[in-house]
């Protein structure tokens, strides 16, 4: 989240131009935004029980 606003500013600036191009920088921006979207909206899938199940698994893994 520390880079969220700088990433969004870069994306908005690039969207006004020829985006996406074949440049590596553009591909990195697209992948970064896609990963953030997936991370933020994982709680919207199939209700709360899926989120709780995965959070419990994550906490178990971190504890180990």
N, C-alpha and C. Protein backbone atom coordinates (compact mmCIF):
# COMPACT_ATOMS: atom_id res chain seq x y z
N UNK A 1 0.82 -1.20 0.00
CA UNK A 1 0.00 0.00 0.00
C UNK A 1 0.86 1.26 0.00
N UNK A 2 2.13 1.13 0.32
CA UNK A 2 2.98 2.31 0.37
C UNK A 2 3.15 2.94 -1.01
N UNK A 3 3.02 2.16 -2.07
CA UNK A 3 3.18 2.68 -3.43
C UNK A 3 1.85 2.91 -4.14
N UNK A 4 0.75 2.75 -3.44
CA UNK A 4 -0.57 2.80 -4.08
C UNK A 4 -0.81 4.09 -4.85
N UNK A 5 -0.64 5.22 -4.20
CA UNK A 5 -0.97 6.49 -4.84
C UNK A 5 0.00 6.83 -5.96
N UNK A 6 1.27 6.50 -5.80
CA UNK A 6 2.21 6.76 -6.90
C UNK A 6 1.91 5.85 -8.09
N UNK A 7 1.52 4.61 -7.82
CA UNK A 7 1.16 3.69 -8.91
C UNK A 7 -0.09 4.18 -9.63
N UNK A 8 -1.10 4.62 -8.89
CA UNK A 8 -2.33 5.11 -9.50
C UNK A 8 -2.08 6.37 -10.32
N UNK A 9 -1.22 7.25 -9.84
CA UNK A 9 -0.87 8.46 -10.59
C UNK A 9 -0.16 8.10 -11.89
N UNK A 10 0.78 7.17 -11.81
CA UNK A 10 1.49 6.72 -13.01
C UNK A 10 0.52 6.09 -14.00
N UNK A 11 -0.39 5.26 -13.52
CA UNK A 11 -1.36 4.60 -14.39
C UNK A 11 -2.26 5.62 -15.07
N UNK A 12 -2.77 6.59 -14.32
CA UNK A 12 -3.65 7.61 -14.90
C UNK A 12 -2.91 8.44 -15.96
N UNK A 13 -1.64 8.75 -15.70
CA UNK A 13 -0.84 9.49 -16.67
C UNK A 13 -0.63 8.67 -17.93
N UNK A 14 -0.32 7.41 -17.76
CA UNK A 14 -0.07 6.53 -18.91
C UNK A 14 -1.34 6.30 -19.73
N UNK A 15 -2.50 6.23 -19.07
CA UNK A 15 -3.75 5.98 -19.78
C UNK A 15 -4.08 7.09 -20.78
N UNK A 16 -3.57 8.28 -20.53
CA UNK A 16 -3.80 9.39 -21.45
C UNK A 16 -2.95 9.31 -22.70
N UNK A 17 -1.95 8.46 -22.71
CA UNK A 17 -1.02 8.34 -23.83
C UNK A 17 -1.22 7.00 -24.53
N UNK A 18 -0.23 6.57 -25.27
CA UNK A 18 -0.27 5.30 -25.97
C UNK A 18 0.04 4.18 -24.98
N UNK A 19 -0.98 3.67 -24.34
CA UNK A 19 -0.80 2.66 -23.28
C UNK A 19 -1.73 1.51 -23.56
N UNK A 20 -1.35 0.30 -23.40
CA UNK A 20 0.00 -0.16 -23.07
C UNK A 20 0.84 -0.31 -24.33
N UNK A 21 2.10 -0.07 -24.16
CA UNK A 21 3.03 -0.29 -25.25
C UNK A 21 3.79 -1.58 -24.98
N UNK A 22 4.80 -1.85 -25.74
CA UNK A 22 5.59 -3.06 -25.55
C UNK A 22 6.69 -2.87 -24.51
N UNK A 23 6.73 -1.70 -23.89
CA UNK A 23 7.78 -1.40 -22.90
C UNK A 23 7.59 -2.25 -21.65
N UNK A 24 8.69 -2.67 -21.07
CA UNK A 24 8.67 -3.46 -19.85
C UNK A 24 7.99 -2.69 -18.72
N UNK A 25 8.21 -1.40 -18.66
CA UNK A 25 7.61 -0.56 -17.61
C UNK A 25 6.09 -0.65 -17.65
N UNK A 26 5.52 -0.62 -18.85
CA UNK A 26 4.06 -0.73 -18.98
C UNK A 26 3.55 -2.09 -18.53
N UNK A 27 4.29 -3.13 -18.86
CA UNK A 27 3.89 -4.47 -18.43
C UNK A 27 3.95 -4.61 -16.92
N UNK A 28 4.95 -4.00 -16.30
CA UNK A 28 5.07 -4.04 -14.84
C UNK A 28 3.91 -3.30 -14.19
N UNK A 29 3.53 -2.17 -14.76
CA UNK A 29 2.40 -1.40 -14.21
C UNK A 29 1.12 -2.22 -14.30
N UNK A 30 0.87 -2.85 -15.44
CA UNK A 30 -0.34 -3.65 -15.60
C UNK A 30 -0.37 -4.80 -14.61
N UNK A 31 0.75 -5.50 -14.45
CA UNK A 31 0.80 -6.61 -13.50
C UNK A 31 0.64 -6.13 -12.06
N UNK A 32 1.24 -5.00 -11.73
CA UNK A 32 1.11 -4.46 -10.38
C UNK A 32 -0.33 -4.12 -10.04
N UNK A 33 -1.02 -3.49 -10.99
CA UNK A 33 -2.43 -3.13 -10.77
C UNK A 33 -3.28 -4.39 -10.67
N UNK A 34 -3.01 -5.37 -11.52
CA UNK A 34 -3.79 -6.62 -11.49
C UNK A 34 -3.62 -7.34 -10.16
N UNK A 35 -2.40 -7.39 -9.66
CA UNK A 35 -2.17 -8.04 -8.36
C UNK A 35 -2.86 -7.30 -7.23
N UNK A 36 -2.84 -5.99 -7.27
CA UNK A 36 -3.51 -5.21 -6.22
C UNK A 36 -5.02 -5.43 -6.26
N UNK A 37 -5.58 -5.47 -7.46
CA UNK A 37 -7.03 -5.70 -7.59
C UNK A 37 -7.39 -7.07 -7.04
N UNK A 38 -6.62 -8.09 -7.41
CA UNK A 38 -6.88 -9.44 -6.90
C UNK A 38 -6.77 -9.49 -5.38
N UNK A 39 -5.78 -8.80 -4.84
CA UNK A 39 -5.59 -8.82 -3.39
C UNK A 39 -6.73 -8.11 -2.67
N UNK A 40 -7.15 -6.98 -3.20
CA UNK A 40 -8.18 -6.19 -2.51
C UNK A 40 -9.57 -6.81 -2.60
N UNK A 41 -9.87 -7.52 -3.69
CA UNK A 41 -11.21 -8.02 -3.90
C UNK A 41 -11.38 -9.50 -3.62
N UNK A 42 -10.41 -10.11 -2.97
CA UNK A 42 -10.56 -11.52 -2.65
C UNK A 42 -11.68 -11.75 -1.62
N UNK A 43 -12.00 -10.73 -0.85
CA UNK A 43 -13.06 -10.86 0.14
C UNK A 43 -14.45 -10.84 -0.50
N UNK A 44 -14.55 -10.41 -1.75
CA UNK A 44 -15.85 -10.32 -2.41
C UNK A 44 -16.30 -11.66 -3.00
N UNK A 45 -15.42 -12.63 -3.06
CA UNK A 45 -15.77 -13.92 -3.66
C UNK A 45 -16.60 -14.74 -2.68
N UNK A 46 -17.64 -15.34 -3.14
CA UNK A 46 -18.44 -16.35 -2.45
C UNK A 46 -18.71 -16.08 -0.97
N UNK A 47 -18.76 -14.87 -0.61
CA UNK A 47 -19.12 -14.57 0.77
C UNK A 47 -17.96 -14.65 1.75
N UNK A 48 -18.29 -14.50 2.97
CA UNK A 48 -17.33 -14.38 4.05
C UNK A 48 -16.62 -15.69 4.38
N UNK A 49 -17.26 -16.84 4.18
CA UNK A 49 -16.68 -18.11 4.60
C UNK A 49 -15.42 -18.46 3.82
N UNK A 50 -15.33 -18.11 2.55
CA UNK A 50 -14.12 -18.37 1.77
C UNK A 50 -12.97 -17.52 2.30
N UNK A 51 -13.26 -16.26 2.58
CA UNK A 51 -12.25 -15.36 3.12
C UNK A 51 -11.74 -15.88 4.45
N UNK A 52 -12.65 -16.27 5.34
CA UNK A 52 -12.25 -16.78 6.65
C UNK A 52 -11.39 -18.04 6.54
N UNK A 53 -11.76 -18.93 5.63
CA UNK A 53 -11.00 -20.16 5.45
C UNK A 53 -9.57 -19.85 5.02
N UNK A 54 -9.40 -18.96 4.05
CA UNK A 54 -8.06 -18.63 3.56
C UNK A 54 -7.26 -17.84 4.59
N UNK A 55 -7.91 -16.98 5.34
CA UNK A 55 -7.19 -16.23 6.38
C UNK A 55 -6.69 -17.17 7.47
N UNK A 56 -7.51 -18.15 7.85
CA UNK A 56 -7.07 -19.12 8.85
C UNK A 56 -5.87 -19.91 8.35
N UNK A 57 -5.90 -20.31 7.09
CA UNK A 57 -4.76 -21.04 6.52
C UNK A 57 -3.51 -20.17 6.48
N UNK A 58 -3.68 -18.91 6.15
CA UNK A 58 -2.54 -18.00 6.10
C UNK A 58 -1.94 -17.80 7.49
N UNK A 59 -2.80 -17.62 8.50
CA UNK A 59 -2.30 -17.45 9.86
C UNK A 59 -1.58 -18.69 10.35
N UNK A 60 -2.10 -19.87 10.02
CA UNK A 60 -1.42 -21.13 10.39
C UNK A 60 -0.04 -21.20 9.75
N UNK A 61 0.04 -20.83 8.48
CA UNK A 61 1.32 -20.88 7.78
C UNK A 61 2.31 -19.90 8.39
N UNK A 62 1.85 -18.68 8.69
CA UNK A 62 2.74 -17.69 9.29
C UNK A 62 3.20 -18.14 10.69
N UNK A 63 2.31 -18.77 11.41
CA UNK A 63 2.65 -19.22 12.76
C UNK A 63 3.74 -20.30 12.71
N UNK A 64 3.63 -21.21 11.72
CA UNK A 64 4.62 -22.29 11.58
C UNK A 64 5.97 -21.72 11.22
